[in-house]
Protein backbone atom coordinates (compact mmCIF):
# COMPACT_ATOMS: atom_id res chain seq x y z
CA UNK A 1 0.00 0.00 0.00
CA UNK A 2 1.39 3.45 -0.87
CA UNK A 3 2.51 5.55 2.09
CA UNK A 4 0.03 8.36 1.45
CA UNK A 5 -3.52 8.63 0.19
CA UNK A 6 -2.16 11.14 -2.36
CA UNK A 7 0.24 8.52 -3.75
CA UNK A 8 -2.46 5.83 -3.84
CA UNK A 9 -4.74 8.15 -5.77
CA UNK A 10 -2.01 8.71 -8.34
CA UNK A 11 -0.37 12.02 -7.46
CA UNK A 12 -0.93 15.48 -8.87
CA UNK A 13 -2.52 14.47 -12.18
CA UNK A 14 -5.04 12.19 -10.51
CA UNK A 15 -5.92 14.76 -7.85
CA UNK A 16 -6.42 17.39 -10.57
CA UNK A 17 -8.65 15.01 -12.53
CA UNK A 18 -10.73 14.37 -9.40
CA UNK A 19 -11.00 18.11 -8.67
CA UNK A 20 -12.13 18.74 -12.26
CA UNK A 21 -14.69 15.94 -12.09
CA UNK A 22 -16.06 17.24 -8.77
CA UNK A 23 -16.21 20.82 -10.05
CA UNK A 24 -18.04 19.69 -13.20
CA UNK A 25 -20.53 17.74 -11.09
CA UNK A 26 -21.07 20.77 -8.83
CA UNK A 27 -21.72 23.09 -11.77
CA UNK A 28 -24.35 20.66 -13.08
CA UNK A 29 -26.12 20.41 -9.71
CA UNK A 30 -28.88 23.00 -9.16
CA UNK A 31 -27.94 23.54 -5.50
CA UNK A 32 -24.16 23.18 -5.73
CA UNK A 33 -23.91 25.50 -8.73
CA UNK A 34 -24.94 28.49 -6.60
CA UNK A 35 -21.58 29.02 -4.81
CA UNK A 36 -19.83 28.86 -8.17
CA UNK A 37 -22.19 31.34 -9.85
CA UNK A 38 -20.00 34.34 -9.01
CA UNK A 39 -16.68 34.90 -10.76
CA UNK A 40 -13.92 33.13 -8.88
CA UNK A 41 -10.21 32.69 -9.26
CA UNK A 42 -9.35 31.78 -12.87
CA UNK A 43 -7.34 28.80 -11.62
CA UNK A 44 -9.89 27.66 -9.05
CA UNK A 45 -9.74 23.98 -9.97
CA UNK A 46 -5.95 23.91 -9.98
CA UNK A 47 -5.82 25.64 -6.59
CA UNK A 48 -8.45 23.24 -5.26
CA UNK A 49 -6.38 20.30 -6.47
CA UNK A 50 -3.26 21.71 -4.78
CA UNK A 51 -5.19 22.01 -1.50
CA UNK A 52 -6.54 18.47 -1.80
CA UNK A 53 -3.11 17.08 -2.73
CA UNK A 54 -1.49 18.65 0.33
CA UNK A 55 -4.30 17.47 2.60
CA UNK A 56 -3.87 13.91 1.33
CA UNK A 57 -0.11 13.78 1.92
CA UNK A 58 1.24 15.40 -1.21
CA UNK A 59 3.49 18.42 -1.66
CA UNK A 60 2.84 21.61 0.29
CA UNK A 61 2.20 23.69 -2.85
CA UNK A 62 -1.00 25.21 -1.46
CA UNK A 63 0.22 26.33 1.95
CA UNK A 64 3.60 27.39 0.57
CA UNK A 65 2.16 29.88 -1.90
CA UNK A 66 -1.63 30.24 -1.79
CA UNK A 67 -2.72 30.46 1.83
CA UNK A 68 -3.10 28.65 5.09
CA UNK A 69 -6.01 26.66 6.44
CA UNK A 70 -7.50 29.70 8.18
CA UNK A 71 -7.59 31.46 4.79
CA UNK A 72 -9.50 28.54 3.24
CA UNK A 73 -11.98 28.36 6.11
CA UNK A 74 -12.61 32.10 5.86
CA UNK A 75 -13.47 31.71 2.17
CA UNK A 76 -16.17 29.22 3.16
CA UNK A 77 -17.38 30.96 6.34
CA UNK A 78 -20.28 33.32 6.93
CA UNK A 79 -22.76 31.61 4.62
CA UNK A 80 -25.12 30.28 7.27
CA UNK A 81 -26.13 26.68 7.71
CA UNK A 82 -26.37 24.74 4.45
CA UNK A 83 -26.93 21.08 5.23
CA UNK A 84 -28.54 20.28 1.87
CA UNK A 85 -25.62 21.81 -0.01
CA UNK A 86 -23.16 19.90 2.18
CA UNK A 87 -24.94 16.62 1.46
CA UNK A 88 -24.91 17.39 -2.25
CA UNK A 89 -21.19 18.23 -2.10
CA UNK A 90 -20.64 14.73 -0.72
CA UNK A 91 -22.83 13.15 -3.41
CA UNK A 92 -20.99 15.07 -6.14
CA UNK A 93 -17.65 13.91 -4.71
CA UNK A 94 -18.73 10.28 -4.62
CA UNK A 95 -19.91 10.56 -8.23
CA UNK A 96 -16.63 12.24 -9.19
CA UNK A 97 -14.76 9.26 -7.71
CA UNK A 98 -16.74 7.11 -10.13
CA UNK A 99 -15.99 9.51 -12.97
CA UNK A 100 -12.23 9.13 -12.49
CA UNK A 101 -12.41 5.39 -11.80
CA UNK A 102 -11.62 5.21 -8.08
CA UNK A 103 -13.05 1.85 -7.07
CA UNK A 104 -10.17 0.42 -5.03
CA UNK A 105 -10.74 -0.21 -1.34
CA UNK A 106 -9.55 1.09 1.08
CA UNK A 107 -8.71 4.11 -1.11
CA UNK A 108 -12.31 4.93 -1.95
CA UNK A 109 -13.60 4.64 1.62
CA UNK A 110 -10.64 6.68 2.89
CA UNK A 111 -11.33 9.45 0.36
CA UNK A 112 -15.05 9.43 1.20
CA UNK A 113 -14.31 9.73 4.93
CA UNK A 114 -11.82 12.56 4.26
CA UNK A 115 -14.34 14.40 2.12
CA UNK A 116 -17.13 14.21 4.70
CA UNK A 117 -14.67 15.45 7.34
CA UNK A 118 -13.57 18.29 5.02
CA UNK A 119 -17.13 19.34 4.23
CA UNK A 120 -17.85 19.51 7.95
CA UNK A 121 -14.71 21.61 8.49
CA UNK A 122 -15.71 24.07 5.76
CA UNK A 123 -19.14 24.47 7.37
CA UNK A 124 -17.79 25.01 10.89
CA UNK A 125 -18.07 28.82 10.87
CA UNK A 126 -21.53 29.61 9.48
CA UNK A 127 -21.94 33.04 11.09
CA UNK A 128 -18.88 34.97 9.99
CA UNK A 129 -15.39 34.69 8.54
CA UNK A 130 -14.28 36.76 11.53
CA UNK A 131 -14.99 33.71 13.72
CA UNK A 132 -12.19 31.69 12.09
CA UNK A 133 -9.05 31.75 14.24
CA UNK A 134 -5.79 32.67 12.58
CA UNK A 135 -2.87 30.32 12.11
CA UNK A 136 -4.81 27.06 12.02
CA UNK A 137 -2.57 24.14 11.04
CA UNK A 138 -3.05 22.69 7.59
CA UNK A 139 -5.28 19.61 7.85
CA UNK A 140 -3.69 16.33 6.83
CA UNK A 141 -5.43 13.03 6.27
CA UNK A 142 -3.89 9.56 6.38
CA UNK A 143 -5.16 6.04 5.93
CA UNK A 144 -6.17 6.22 9.60
CA UNK A 145 -7.97 9.56 9.44
CA UNK A 146 -6.92 13.05 10.50
CA UNK A 147 -3.27 13.53 11.37
CA UNK A 148 -2.49 15.54 14.48
CA UNK A 149 -0.45 18.66 13.62
CA UNK A 150 3.24 18.62 14.48
CA UNK A 151 4.07 20.59 17.57
């Protein structure tokens, strides 16, 4: 078994393909399309893939040049409760795993658990971006779940 979930998935190209598949699924979903209806960063999918890659044990390209975890949480904060959208984000991710051919266990179940955990993290500050503490450690996920930050 590869050392990291990132390696098992297939590295940068595979993570980018998964991010593209998820983004495409979200745009086609009537509820999930709403957050993407405003103009975003022109390299949104590539930045998303860099974040996912780092979270799954890949290179630190996101945190080294694009932002820290607090920055990402602030981008998702202040939008109120959105349980239906969160559930649809999970469904779109599971369908995207099918789209890119991830059927292998335990890889698929590990990715699904990571995604549900990530969706919950992004929804943790519904009232305001100002509620997100600064300097939060970048979240990492292993075959056994969340990895405690180094001290």
